[in-house]
N, C-alpha and C. Protein backbone atom coordinates (compact mmCIF):
# COMPACT_ATOMS: atom_id res chain seq x y z
N MET A 1 0.83 -1.20 0.00
CA MET A 1 0.00 0.00 0.00
C MET A 1 0.87 1.25 0.00
N ASN A 2 0.50 2.22 -0.81
CA ASN A 2 1.23 3.48 -0.88
C ASN A 2 0.59 4.48 0.08
N ARG A 3 1.34 4.93 1.08
CA ARG A 3 0.80 5.83 2.10
C ARG A 3 0.28 7.13 1.50
N LEU A 4 1.05 7.73 0.58
CA LEU A 4 0.64 9.00 -0.02
C LEU A 4 -0.64 8.84 -0.82
N LEU A 5 -0.74 7.76 -1.59
CA LEU A 5 -1.96 7.52 -2.37
C LEU A 5 -3.17 7.35 -1.46
N ARG A 6 -2.98 6.65 -0.36
CA ARG A 6 -4.10 6.47 0.59
C ARG A 6 -4.55 7.81 1.14
N TRP A 7 -3.62 8.65 1.53
CA TRP A 7 -3.97 9.97 2.07
C TRP A 7 -4.69 10.81 1.02
N ILE A 8 -4.16 10.82 -0.20
CA ILE A 8 -4.79 11.60 -1.27
C ILE A 8 -6.21 11.11 -1.54
N PHE A 9 -6.37 9.78 -1.61
CA PHE A 9 -7.70 9.21 -1.85
C PHE A 9 -8.67 9.59 -0.74
N THR A 10 -8.22 9.50 0.50
CA THR A 10 -9.10 9.80 1.63
C THR A 10 -9.47 11.28 1.65
N LEU A 11 -8.49 12.15 1.45
CA LEU A 11 -8.74 13.59 1.49
C LEU A 11 -9.57 14.07 0.31
N CYS A 12 -9.34 13.50 -0.87
CA CYS A 12 -9.96 14.01 -2.10
C CYS A 12 -11.24 13.27 -2.49
N VAL A 13 -11.43 12.05 -1.96
CA VAL A 13 -12.62 11.27 -2.32
C VAL A 13 -13.47 10.94 -1.09
N ALA A 14 -12.88 10.25 -0.11
CA ALA A 14 -13.67 9.80 1.04
C ALA A 14 -14.25 10.96 1.83
N TYR A 15 -13.41 11.94 2.17
CA TYR A 15 -13.90 13.08 2.95
C TYR A 15 -15.01 13.85 2.23
N PRO A 16 -14.82 14.25 0.96
CA PRO A 16 -15.88 15.00 0.28
C PRO A 16 -17.19 14.20 0.15
N VAL A 17 -17.08 12.92 -0.22
CA VAL A 17 -18.29 12.12 -0.42
C VAL A 17 -19.01 11.87 0.90
N VAL A 18 -18.27 11.40 1.89
CA VAL A 18 -18.89 10.97 3.15
C VAL A 18 -19.22 12.15 4.06
N LEU A 19 -18.27 13.05 4.26
CA LEU A 19 -18.47 14.11 5.24
C LEU A 19 -19.23 15.31 4.69
N VAL A 20 -19.09 15.57 3.38
CA VAL A 20 -19.74 16.75 2.80
C VAL A 20 -21.04 16.37 2.08
N TRP A 21 -20.95 15.43 1.14
CA TRP A 21 -22.12 15.06 0.35
C TRP A 21 -23.17 14.33 1.20
N LEU A 22 -22.74 13.43 2.07
CA LEU A 22 -23.67 12.67 2.90
C LEU A 22 -23.85 13.30 4.28
N GLY A 23 -22.78 13.44 5.01
CA GLY A 23 -22.86 13.90 6.40
C GLY A 23 -22.90 12.72 7.35
N VAL A 24 -22.14 12.82 8.45
CA VAL A 24 -22.00 11.69 9.37
C VAL A 24 -22.09 12.17 10.82
N SER A 25 -22.79 11.38 11.62
CA SER A 25 -22.80 11.57 13.07
C SER A 25 -22.23 10.30 13.70
N VAL A 26 -21.26 10.46 14.61
CA VAL A 26 -20.57 9.31 15.21
C VAL A 26 -20.78 9.31 16.72
N ALA A 27 -21.28 8.21 17.25
CA ALA A 27 -21.45 8.04 18.69
C ALA A 27 -20.38 7.11 19.22
N ASN A 28 -19.80 7.47 20.36
CA ASN A 28 -18.79 6.66 21.05
C ASN A 28 -17.54 6.45 20.21
N ARG A 29 -17.09 7.50 19.54
CA ARG A 29 -15.88 7.42 18.74
C ARG A 29 -14.68 6.98 19.58
N LYS A 30 -14.73 7.26 20.88
CA LYS A 30 -13.61 6.93 21.78
C LYS A 30 -13.33 5.43 21.80
N ASN A 31 -14.32 4.61 21.43
CA ASN A 31 -14.12 3.15 21.42
C ASN A 31 -13.34 2.67 20.20
N LEU A 32 -13.14 3.55 19.23
CA LEU A 32 -12.44 3.14 18.02
C LEU A 32 -10.95 3.00 18.28
N PRO A 33 -10.33 1.88 17.90
CA PRO A 33 -8.89 1.71 18.15
C PRO A 33 -8.06 2.59 17.22
N LEU A 34 -6.99 3.17 17.74
CA LEU A 34 -6.09 3.98 16.94
C LEU A 34 -4.78 3.25 16.66
N LYS A 35 -4.59 2.09 17.29
CA LYS A 35 -3.44 1.25 17.00
C LYS A 35 -3.85 -0.20 17.15
N GLY A 36 -3.09 -1.08 16.52
CA GLY A 36 -3.42 -2.49 16.55
C GLY A 36 -2.53 -3.26 17.50
N PRO A 37 -2.77 -4.56 17.55
CA PRO A 37 -3.72 -5.27 16.71
C PRO A 37 -5.16 -5.07 17.18
N ALA A 38 -6.08 -4.95 16.22
CA ALA A 38 -7.50 -4.81 16.52
C ALA A 38 -8.30 -5.21 15.30
N ILE A 39 -9.52 -5.68 15.55
CA ILE A 39 -10.44 -6.06 14.47
C ILE A 39 -11.68 -5.18 14.59
N VAL A 40 -11.93 -4.36 13.59
CA VAL A 40 -13.14 -3.56 13.54
C VAL A 40 -14.12 -4.29 12.62
N ILE A 41 -15.31 -4.59 13.15
CA ILE A 41 -16.32 -5.29 12.35
C ILE A 41 -17.51 -4.35 12.15
N ALA A 42 -18.15 -4.47 11.01
CA ALA A 42 -19.27 -3.57 10.70
C ALA A 42 -20.30 -4.27 9.83
N ASN A 43 -21.54 -3.78 9.90
CA ASN A 43 -22.57 -4.27 8.98
C ASN A 43 -22.25 -3.77 7.57
N HIS A 44 -22.74 -4.47 6.57
CA HIS A 44 -22.31 -4.23 5.19
C HIS A 44 -23.51 -4.04 4.28
N ASN A 45 -23.75 -2.77 3.88
CA ASN A 45 -24.89 -2.46 3.01
C ASN A 45 -24.51 -1.71 1.75
N SER A 46 -23.24 -1.28 1.63
CA SER A 46 -22.90 -0.37 0.54
C SER A 46 -21.41 -0.44 0.20
N HIS A 47 -21.09 -0.05 -1.05
CA HIS A 47 -19.69 0.11 -1.43
C HIS A 47 -19.05 1.30 -0.70
N LEU A 48 -19.87 2.15 -0.09
CA LEU A 48 -19.35 3.29 0.65
C LEU A 48 -18.95 2.93 2.08
N ASP A 49 -19.18 1.70 2.49
CA ASP A 49 -18.89 1.32 3.88
C ASP A 49 -17.42 1.54 4.24
N VAL A 50 -16.51 1.10 3.38
CA VAL A 50 -15.09 1.24 3.67
C VAL A 50 -14.69 2.71 3.70
N LEU A 51 -15.16 3.49 2.71
CA LEU A 51 -14.85 4.91 2.68
C LEU A 51 -15.32 5.60 3.96
N THR A 52 -16.51 5.23 4.41
CA THR A 52 -17.06 5.83 5.63
C THR A 52 -16.22 5.46 6.84
N LEU A 53 -15.81 4.21 6.94
CA LEU A 53 -14.98 3.79 8.06
C LEU A 53 -13.62 4.48 8.02
N PHE A 54 -13.08 4.70 6.83
CA PHE A 54 -11.81 5.43 6.72
C PHE A 54 -11.89 6.81 7.36
N THR A 55 -13.02 7.49 7.18
CA THR A 55 -13.15 8.86 7.70
C THR A 55 -13.19 8.91 9.22
N LEU A 56 -13.37 7.77 9.87
CA LEU A 56 -13.41 7.75 11.34
C LEU A 56 -12.02 7.83 11.95
N PHE A 57 -11.01 7.44 11.17
CA PHE A 57 -9.65 7.38 11.70
C PHE A 57 -8.88 8.65 11.34
N PRO A 58 -8.02 9.13 12.25
CA PRO A 58 -7.13 10.23 11.88
C PRO A 58 -6.15 9.76 10.82
N LEU A 59 -5.67 10.70 10.00
CA LEU A 59 -4.75 10.34 8.93
C LEU A 59 -3.50 9.65 9.46
N SER A 60 -3.08 10.00 10.67
CA SER A 60 -1.89 9.40 11.26
C SER A 60 -2.05 7.91 11.51
N ALA A 61 -3.30 7.46 11.71
CA ALA A 61 -3.56 6.05 11.98
C ALA A 61 -4.04 5.30 10.75
N LEU A 62 -4.44 6.03 9.70
CA LEU A 62 -5.13 5.41 8.57
C LEU A 62 -4.29 4.38 7.83
N THR A 63 -2.99 4.59 7.75
CA THR A 63 -2.16 3.65 7.00
C THR A 63 -1.99 2.32 7.73
N ARG A 64 -2.44 2.24 8.98
CA ARG A 64 -2.42 0.97 9.72
C ARG A 64 -3.73 0.22 9.57
N VAL A 65 -4.69 0.78 8.82
CA VAL A 65 -6.03 0.20 8.69
C VAL A 65 -6.14 -0.52 7.35
N HIS A 66 -6.57 -1.79 7.40
CA HIS A 66 -6.65 -2.62 6.19
C HIS A 66 -7.99 -3.35 6.13
N PRO A 67 -8.83 -3.03 5.15
CA PRO A 67 -10.09 -3.79 4.99
C PRO A 67 -9.83 -5.18 4.45
N VAL A 68 -10.61 -6.13 4.92
CA VAL A 68 -10.57 -7.50 4.38
C VAL A 68 -11.59 -7.57 3.26
N ALA A 69 -11.17 -8.06 2.09
CA ALA A 69 -12.06 -8.06 0.93
C ALA A 69 -11.88 -9.33 0.12
N ALA A 70 -12.91 -9.66 -0.65
CA ALA A 70 -12.92 -10.89 -1.44
C ALA A 70 -11.96 -10.78 -2.62
N ALA A 71 -11.01 -11.69 -2.70
CA ALA A 71 -10.02 -11.68 -3.78
C ALA A 71 -10.67 -11.89 -5.14
N ASP A 72 -11.69 -12.75 -5.20
CA ASP A 72 -12.31 -13.05 -6.49
C ASP A 72 -13.03 -11.84 -7.08
N TYR A 73 -13.39 -10.86 -6.25
CA TYR A 73 -14.06 -9.66 -6.74
C TYR A 73 -13.06 -8.55 -7.04
N PHE A 74 -12.17 -8.27 -6.10
CA PHE A 74 -11.30 -7.11 -6.21
C PHE A 74 -10.01 -7.36 -6.99
N LEU A 75 -9.68 -8.62 -7.22
CA LEU A 75 -8.45 -8.92 -7.96
C LEU A 75 -8.73 -9.52 -9.32
N ASN A 76 -9.94 -9.29 -9.84
CA ASN A 76 -10.30 -9.95 -11.10
C ASN A 76 -9.82 -9.20 -12.34
N ASN A 77 -9.25 -7.99 -12.18
CA ASN A 77 -8.56 -7.35 -13.30
C ASN A 77 -7.44 -6.49 -12.75
N ARG A 78 -6.47 -6.19 -13.57
CA ARG A 78 -5.23 -5.56 -13.10
C ARG A 78 -5.45 -4.16 -12.53
N LEU A 79 -6.31 -3.37 -13.14
CA LEU A 79 -6.53 -2.01 -12.66
C LEU A 79 -7.21 -2.01 -11.30
N MET A 80 -8.26 -2.81 -11.17
CA MET A 80 -8.95 -2.88 -9.89
C MET A 80 -8.03 -3.46 -8.81
N ALA A 81 -7.25 -4.46 -9.17
CA ALA A 81 -6.33 -5.07 -8.21
C ALA A 81 -5.31 -4.05 -7.72
N TRP A 82 -4.75 -3.26 -8.65
CA TRP A 82 -3.78 -2.23 -8.25
C TRP A 82 -4.42 -1.24 -7.29
N PHE A 83 -5.62 -0.76 -7.62
CA PHE A 83 -6.31 0.22 -6.78
C PHE A 83 -6.62 -0.37 -5.40
N ALA A 84 -7.14 -1.61 -5.38
CA ALA A 84 -7.52 -2.24 -4.13
C ALA A 84 -6.32 -2.49 -3.22
N LEU A 85 -5.21 -2.92 -3.80
CA LEU A 85 -4.04 -3.26 -3.00
C LEU A 85 -3.20 -2.04 -2.63
N LYS A 86 -2.98 -1.14 -3.58
CA LYS A 86 -2.06 -0.03 -3.39
C LYS A 86 -2.71 1.20 -2.76
N VAL A 87 -3.99 1.43 -3.03
CA VAL A 87 -4.66 2.62 -2.51
C VAL A 87 -5.54 2.29 -1.31
N ILE A 88 -6.45 1.33 -1.48
CA ILE A 88 -7.33 0.95 -0.38
C ILE A 88 -6.59 0.12 0.66
N GLY A 89 -5.61 -0.66 0.22
CA GLY A 89 -4.83 -1.48 1.16
C GLY A 89 -5.55 -2.69 1.66
N ILE A 90 -6.32 -3.35 0.76
CA ILE A 90 -7.10 -4.50 1.21
C ILE A 90 -6.21 -5.68 1.57
N ILE A 91 -6.76 -6.54 2.41
CA ILE A 91 -6.20 -7.87 2.64
C ILE A 91 -7.09 -8.84 1.87
N PRO A 92 -6.63 -9.39 0.75
CA PRO A 92 -7.49 -10.26 -0.05
C PRO A 92 -7.69 -11.63 0.60
N VAL A 93 -8.94 -12.05 0.61
CA VAL A 93 -9.30 -13.36 1.15
C VAL A 93 -10.06 -14.12 0.08
N ARG A 94 -9.67 -15.36 -0.14
CA ARG A 94 -10.36 -16.18 -1.13
C ARG A 94 -11.51 -16.91 -0.46
N ARG A 95 -12.72 -16.54 -0.87
CA ARG A 95 -13.92 -17.11 -0.27
C ARG A 95 -14.01 -18.60 -0.58
N GLY A 96 -14.40 -19.35 0.45
CA GLY A 96 -14.52 -20.79 0.28
C GLY A 96 -13.20 -21.51 0.24
N GLY A 97 -12.13 -20.82 0.70
CA GLY A 97 -10.81 -21.43 0.69
C GLY A 97 -10.74 -22.64 1.61
N SER A 98 -10.00 -23.63 1.19
CA SER A 98 -9.86 -24.85 1.99
C SER A 98 -8.49 -25.45 1.72
N GLY A 99 -8.24 -26.57 2.32
CA GLY A 99 -6.97 -27.24 2.12
C GLY A 99 -5.89 -26.66 3.00
N LYS A 100 -4.63 -26.79 2.55
CA LYS A 100 -3.53 -26.38 3.41
C LYS A 100 -3.28 -24.88 3.39
N ASN A 101 -3.88 -24.14 2.44
CA ASN A 101 -3.72 -22.70 2.39
C ASN A 101 -4.81 -22.03 3.24
N ASN A 102 -4.41 -21.44 4.35
CA ASN A 102 -5.36 -20.80 5.25
C ASN A 102 -5.84 -19.49 4.63
N PRO A 103 -7.14 -19.35 4.33
CA PRO A 103 -7.62 -18.11 3.71
C PRO A 103 -7.48 -16.89 4.61
N LEU A 104 -7.29 -17.11 5.91
CA LEU A 104 -7.15 -16.00 6.87
C LEU A 104 -5.69 -15.67 7.15
N ALA A 105 -4.76 -16.27 6.43
CA ALA A 105 -3.33 -16.07 6.71
C ALA A 105 -2.94 -14.60 6.62
N GLY A 106 -3.48 -13.88 5.62
CA GLY A 106 -3.17 -12.46 5.48
C GLY A 106 -3.66 -11.64 6.65
N CYS A 107 -4.84 -11.98 7.17
CA CYS A 107 -5.40 -11.27 8.33
C CYS A 107 -4.55 -11.53 9.57
N ILE A 108 -4.16 -12.77 9.76
CA ILE A 108 -3.34 -13.13 10.91
C ILE A 108 -2.00 -12.41 10.88
N GLU A 109 -1.38 -12.37 9.70
CA GLU A 109 -0.10 -11.69 9.56
C GLU A 109 -0.23 -10.20 9.83
N ALA A 110 -1.30 -9.59 9.33
CA ALA A 110 -1.52 -8.16 9.56
C ALA A 110 -1.70 -7.87 11.05
N LEU A 111 -2.42 -8.70 11.74
CA LEU A 111 -2.62 -8.50 13.18
C LEU A 111 -1.31 -8.69 13.94
N ARG A 112 -0.51 -9.63 13.52
CA ARG A 112 0.80 -9.83 14.15
C ARG A 112 1.71 -8.62 13.93
N GLN A 113 1.46 -7.88 12.85
CA GLN A 113 2.20 -6.65 12.58
C GLN A 113 1.55 -5.43 13.23
N GLU A 114 0.60 -5.69 14.11
CA GLU A 114 -0.10 -4.65 14.88
C GLU A 114 -0.90 -3.70 13.99
N LYS A 115 -1.55 -4.28 12.99
CA LYS A 115 -2.44 -3.52 12.12
C LYS A 115 -3.87 -3.56 12.68
N ILE A 116 -4.70 -2.67 12.15
CA ILE A 116 -6.13 -2.68 12.42
C ILE A 116 -6.80 -3.20 11.16
N ILE A 117 -7.57 -4.27 11.27
CA ILE A 117 -8.25 -4.78 10.08
C ILE A 117 -9.74 -4.50 10.20
N ILE A 118 -10.34 -4.23 9.06
CA ILE A 118 -11.80 -4.04 8.96
C ILE A 118 -12.39 -5.28 8.32
N LEU A 119 -13.37 -5.84 8.98
CA LEU A 119 -13.97 -7.07 8.50
C LEU A 119 -15.50 -6.94 8.54
N PHE A 120 -16.15 -7.41 7.48
CA PHE A 120 -17.61 -7.41 7.43
C PHE A 120 -18.10 -8.84 7.64
N PRO A 121 -18.63 -9.16 8.83
CA PRO A 121 -19.00 -10.56 9.13
C PRO A 121 -20.05 -11.14 8.19
N GLU A 122 -20.87 -10.27 7.58
CA GLU A 122 -21.89 -10.77 6.66
C GLU A 122 -21.28 -11.25 5.34
N GLY A 123 -20.08 -10.80 5.05
CA GLY A 123 -19.38 -11.26 3.85
C GLY A 123 -19.72 -10.49 2.60
N THR A 124 -20.97 -10.13 2.41
CA THR A 124 -21.40 -9.42 1.22
C THR A 124 -22.46 -8.41 1.60
N ARG A 125 -22.73 -7.48 0.68
CA ARG A 125 -23.70 -6.43 0.99
C ARG A 125 -25.11 -6.99 1.10
N GLY A 126 -25.84 -6.53 2.14
CA GLY A 126 -27.21 -6.96 2.34
C GLY A 126 -28.19 -5.83 2.07
N GLU A 127 -29.44 -6.06 2.42
CA GLU A 127 -30.48 -5.05 2.25
C GLU A 127 -30.34 -3.96 3.31
N PRO A 128 -30.76 -2.72 2.99
CA PRO A 128 -30.63 -1.62 3.94
C PRO A 128 -31.28 -1.92 5.29
N GLU A 129 -30.55 -1.66 6.34
CA GLU A 129 -30.99 -1.80 7.74
C GLU A 129 -31.39 -3.23 8.11
N CYS A 130 -30.92 -4.21 7.34
CA CYS A 130 -31.17 -5.62 7.65
C CYS A 130 -29.83 -6.34 7.78
N PHE A 131 -29.80 -7.37 8.63
CA PHE A 131 -28.59 -8.16 8.80
C PHE A 131 -28.69 -9.47 8.03
N SER A 132 -27.66 -9.77 7.25
CA SER A 132 -27.57 -11.07 6.60
C SER A 132 -26.91 -12.06 7.57
N GLU A 133 -26.91 -13.31 7.20
CA GLU A 133 -26.28 -14.33 8.05
C GLU A 133 -24.79 -14.04 8.21
N PHE A 134 -24.32 -14.09 9.45
CA PHE A 134 -22.90 -13.87 9.70
C PHE A 134 -22.10 -15.11 9.32
N LYS A 135 -21.03 -14.90 8.57
CA LYS A 135 -20.15 -16.01 8.18
C LYS A 135 -19.25 -16.40 9.35
N SER A 136 -18.59 -17.53 9.22
CA SER A 136 -17.79 -18.06 10.33
C SER A 136 -16.35 -17.56 10.35
N GLY A 137 -15.95 -16.75 9.35
CA GLY A 137 -14.57 -16.31 9.26
C GLY A 137 -14.08 -15.57 10.50
N LEU A 138 -14.91 -14.69 11.05
CA LEU A 138 -14.51 -13.94 12.24
C LEU A 138 -14.27 -14.87 13.42
N TRP A 139 -15.11 -15.88 13.56
CA TRP A 139 -14.94 -16.83 14.67
C TRP A 139 -13.61 -17.58 14.52
N HIS A 140 -13.31 -18.03 13.31
CA HIS A 140 -12.05 -18.72 13.07
C HIS A 140 -10.86 -17.80 13.34
N LEU A 141 -10.97 -16.55 12.93
CA LEU A 141 -9.89 -15.59 13.17
C LEU A 141 -9.70 -15.35 14.66
N ASN A 142 -10.80 -15.26 15.38
CA ASN A 142 -10.71 -15.08 16.83
C ASN A 142 -10.07 -16.28 17.51
N ARG A 143 -10.33 -17.47 17.01
CA ARG A 143 -9.72 -18.67 17.60
C ARG A 143 -8.20 -18.66 17.37
N GLU A 144 -7.77 -18.09 16.24
CA GLU A 144 -6.34 -17.98 15.96
C GLU A 144 -5.67 -16.88 16.77
N MET A 145 -6.41 -15.77 17.00
CA MET A 145 -5.86 -14.60 17.67
C MET A 145 -6.82 -14.15 18.78
N PRO A 146 -7.01 -14.95 19.83
CA PRO A 146 -8.04 -14.66 20.84
C PRO A 146 -7.76 -13.41 21.66
N GLU A 147 -6.52 -12.95 21.69
CA GLU A 147 -6.18 -11.78 22.49
C GLU A 147 -6.51 -10.46 21.79
N VAL A 148 -6.85 -10.51 20.51
CA VAL A 148 -7.10 -9.29 19.74
C VAL A 148 -8.54 -8.81 19.98
N PRO A 149 -8.73 -7.55 20.37
CA PRO A 149 -10.09 -7.04 20.61
C PRO A 149 -10.90 -6.92 19.33
N ILE A 150 -12.21 -7.14 19.44
CA ILE A 150 -13.14 -7.03 18.33
C ILE A 150 -14.08 -5.87 18.63
N ILE A 151 -14.11 -4.88 17.77
CA ILE A 151 -14.90 -3.68 18.02
C ILE A 151 -16.03 -3.60 16.99
N PRO A 152 -17.29 -3.80 17.42
CA PRO A 152 -18.41 -3.70 16.48
C PRO A 152 -18.74 -2.24 16.16
N VAL A 153 -19.03 -1.97 14.89
CA VAL A 153 -19.45 -0.65 14.44
C VAL A 153 -20.73 -0.82 13.62
N TYR A 154 -21.78 -0.11 14.03
CA TYR A 154 -23.05 -0.18 13.30
C TYR A 154 -23.24 1.12 12.51
N MET A 155 -23.49 0.98 11.20
CA MET A 155 -23.68 2.13 10.33
C MET A 155 -25.10 2.13 9.78
N ARG A 156 -25.78 3.24 9.94
CA ARG A 156 -27.18 3.35 9.54
C ARG A 156 -27.33 4.39 8.43
N GLY A 157 -27.89 3.96 7.31
CA GLY A 157 -28.18 4.90 6.23
C GLY A 157 -27.40 4.67 4.95
N LEU A 158 -26.30 3.93 5.00
CA LEU A 158 -25.48 3.75 3.80
C LEU A 158 -26.17 2.90 2.74
N GLY A 159 -27.02 1.97 3.17
CA GLY A 159 -27.74 1.16 2.21
C GLY A 159 -28.72 1.97 1.39
N ARG A 160 -29.21 3.07 1.97
CA ARG A 160 -30.09 3.97 1.23
C ARG A 160 -29.30 5.00 0.44
N ALA A 161 -28.16 5.38 0.98
CA ALA A 161 -27.33 6.36 0.27
C ALA A 161 -26.74 5.78 -1.01
N MET A 162 -26.29 4.52 -0.94
CA MET A 162 -25.75 3.87 -2.13
C MET A 162 -25.76 2.36 -1.94
N GLY A 163 -26.94 1.78 -2.13
CA GLY A 163 -27.10 0.34 -1.98
C GLY A 163 -26.76 -0.40 -3.26
N LYS A 164 -27.10 -1.67 -3.29
CA LYS A 164 -26.83 -2.49 -4.47
C LYS A 164 -27.50 -1.89 -5.70
N GLY A 165 -26.75 -1.82 -6.80
CA GLY A 165 -27.30 -1.33 -8.05
C GLY A 165 -27.18 0.17 -8.25
N GLN A 166 -26.90 0.92 -7.19
CA GLN A 166 -26.77 2.37 -7.30
C GLN A 166 -25.35 2.74 -7.74
N LYS A 167 -25.25 3.67 -8.67
CA LYS A 167 -23.96 4.12 -9.17
C LYS A 167 -23.52 5.45 -8.56
N ILE A 168 -24.49 6.27 -8.17
CA ILE A 168 -24.20 7.59 -7.61
C ILE A 168 -24.82 7.68 -6.22
N PRO A 169 -24.06 8.10 -5.20
CA PRO A 169 -24.62 8.18 -3.85
C PRO A 169 -25.67 9.28 -3.72
N VAL A 170 -26.75 8.95 -3.03
CA VAL A 170 -27.82 9.89 -2.73
C VAL A 170 -27.48 10.56 -1.40
N PRO A 171 -27.64 11.88 -1.28
CA PRO A 171 -27.30 12.56 -0.01
C PRO A 171 -28.24 12.14 1.12
N PHE A 172 -27.83 11.14 1.85
CA PHE A 172 -28.63 10.58 2.95
C PHE A 172 -27.74 10.53 4.18
N PHE A 173 -28.13 11.23 5.24
CA PHE A 173 -27.28 11.36 6.43
C PHE A 173 -26.99 9.99 7.06
N ILE A 174 -25.75 9.81 7.50
CA ILE A 174 -25.29 8.54 8.05
C ILE A 174 -25.07 8.66 9.56
N ASP A 175 -25.58 7.68 10.29
CA ASP A 175 -25.34 7.60 11.74
C ASP A 175 -24.47 6.38 12.03
N ILE A 176 -23.49 6.56 12.90
CA ILE A 176 -22.54 5.49 13.22
C ILE A 176 -22.46 5.34 14.73
N TRP A 177 -22.48 4.09 15.20
CA TRP A 177 -22.31 3.77 16.62
C TRP A 177 -21.12 2.84 16.77
N VAL A 178 -20.14 3.24 17.54
CA VAL A 178 -18.97 2.41 17.81
C VAL A 178 -19.15 1.76 19.18
N ASP A 179 -19.21 0.44 19.20
CA ASP A 179 -19.47 -0.29 20.45
C ASP A 179 -18.17 -0.55 21.21
N GLU A 180 -18.33 -0.99 22.44
CA GLU A 180 -17.17 -1.40 23.23
C GLU A 180 -16.65 -2.74 22.70
N PRO A 181 -15.37 -3.04 22.90
CA PRO A 181 -14.81 -4.30 22.40
C PRO A 181 -15.54 -5.52 22.98
N MET A 182 -15.66 -6.55 22.17
CA MET A 182 -16.26 -7.79 22.63
C MET A 182 -15.21 -8.89 22.58
N SER A 183 -15.40 -9.89 23.43
CA SER A 183 -14.49 -11.03 23.47
C SER A 183 -15.05 -12.17 22.64
N GLY A 184 -14.25 -13.20 22.46
CA GLY A 184 -14.68 -14.33 21.66
C GLY A 184 -15.31 -15.42 22.51
N ASP A 185 -15.55 -16.57 21.89
CA ASP A 185 -16.12 -17.72 22.58
C ASP A 185 -15.71 -18.97 21.83
N ALA A 186 -15.39 -20.02 22.57
CA ALA A 186 -14.96 -21.26 21.95
C ALA A 186 -16.08 -21.93 21.16
N ASP A 187 -17.32 -21.64 21.54
CA ASP A 187 -18.47 -22.21 20.85
C ASP A 187 -18.89 -21.28 19.72
N LYS A 188 -18.85 -21.77 18.49
CA LYS A 188 -19.15 -20.91 17.34
C LYS A 188 -20.59 -20.40 17.39
N GLY A 189 -21.53 -21.25 17.76
CA GLY A 189 -22.92 -20.84 17.82
C GLY A 189 -23.15 -19.74 18.83
N VAL A 190 -22.54 -19.87 19.99
CA VAL A 190 -22.67 -18.85 21.03
C VAL A 190 -22.05 -17.54 20.56
N PHE A 191 -20.89 -17.64 19.93
CA PHE A 191 -20.21 -16.44 19.44
C PHE A 191 -21.06 -15.73 18.39
N GLN A 192 -21.61 -16.48 17.44
CA GLN A 192 -22.44 -15.88 16.40
C GLN A 192 -23.67 -15.21 16.99
N GLU A 193 -24.27 -15.82 17.99
CA GLU A 193 -25.46 -15.25 18.61
C GLU A 193 -25.11 -13.98 19.37
N ARG A 194 -24.00 -13.99 20.08
CA ARG A 194 -23.58 -12.79 20.81
C ARG A 194 -23.27 -11.65 19.84
N LEU A 195 -22.66 -12.00 18.73
CA LEU A 195 -22.33 -11.02 17.70
C LEU A 195 -23.61 -10.38 17.14
N LEU A 196 -24.58 -11.21 16.81
CA LEU A 196 -25.84 -10.69 16.29
C LEU A 196 -26.52 -9.79 17.31
N GLN A 197 -26.53 -10.20 18.57
CA GLN A 197 -27.18 -9.40 19.60
C GLN A 197 -26.51 -8.04 19.77
N ARG A 198 -25.19 -8.00 19.61
CA ARG A 198 -24.49 -6.71 19.67
C ARG A 198 -25.05 -5.76 18.62
N PHE A 199 -25.16 -6.25 17.39
CA PHE A 199 -25.62 -5.40 16.31
C PHE A 199 -27.11 -5.07 16.43
N VAL A 200 -27.91 -6.01 16.90
CA VAL A 200 -29.33 -5.73 17.11
C VAL A 200 -29.51 -4.64 18.16
N THR A 201 -28.72 -4.73 19.23
CA THR A 201 -28.80 -3.71 20.28
C THR A 201 -28.40 -2.34 19.74
N LEU A 202 -27.34 -2.28 18.95
CA LEU A 202 -26.92 -1.01 18.36
C LEU A 202 -27.98 -0.47 17.41
N GLN A 203 -28.60 -1.36 16.66
CA GLN A 203 -29.66 -0.94 15.74
C GLN A 203 -30.85 -0.36 16.51
N LYS A 204 -31.21 -0.97 17.62
CA LYS A 204 -32.31 -0.45 18.43
C LYS A 204 -31.97 0.90 19.02
N GLN A 205 -30.72 1.07 19.42
CA GLN A 205 -30.29 2.37 19.92
C GLN A 205 -30.42 3.42 18.83
N ALA A 206 -30.05 3.04 17.61
CA ALA A 206 -30.16 3.97 16.47
C ALA A 206 -31.59 4.34 16.21
N GLU A 207 -32.49 3.35 16.22
CA GLU A 207 -33.91 3.63 15.97
C GLU A 207 -34.50 4.47 17.10
N GLY A 208 -34.08 4.20 18.33
CA GLY A 208 -34.58 4.99 19.47
C GLY A 208 -34.15 6.43 19.39
N ARG A 209 -32.93 6.62 18.90
CA ARG A 209 -32.41 7.99 18.77
C ARG A 209 -33.15 8.77 17.72
N LYS A 210 -33.64 8.07 16.67
CA LYS A 210 -34.31 8.73 15.57
C LYS A 210 -35.80 8.94 15.85
N SER A 211 -36.35 8.23 16.83
CA SER A 211 -37.79 8.32 17.09
C SER A 211 -38.15 9.57 17.86
């Protein structure tokens, strides 16, 4: 990843689109990690999700932040691959990976290097203000790195601002809630349920605030 390119992209694209065109309100920003290792997890409704999360971090910390993204989508042509790797700084993960090649190896290495990774437990974009089934990747990553804190972030409004099929973002105000870190669990089912409850609780807080 090129540090200068990341800064230019954030200042010239992410800030104008997210902070000016849309507008953002952030609750409990103090819970956001500024150094790693740490795992930031968020609901996934839009291609703007990563840009929005970038704007939460100061520029001094931004180069330590790496989104986890599907290799089959972002590395399918040379131009997109260059942009995703060099500017966005993704950690590519091959979905459905099996065998002796651990699909989470890049995430584990980044955490060992004290990076902050962004992970979307749903795996793919869902419908606005709805949660899709959480994949098991986060649980497996937690079993590999149980000491690393997991910080849930709930974002409200991005699915309406630029959901599936939309090419241009609609000016729709975004609300963000940063939760306190959560721990893991040896039981995958228990962990998945606790994870869902975290996001449901944050969603209810968001709805209560808007009512």
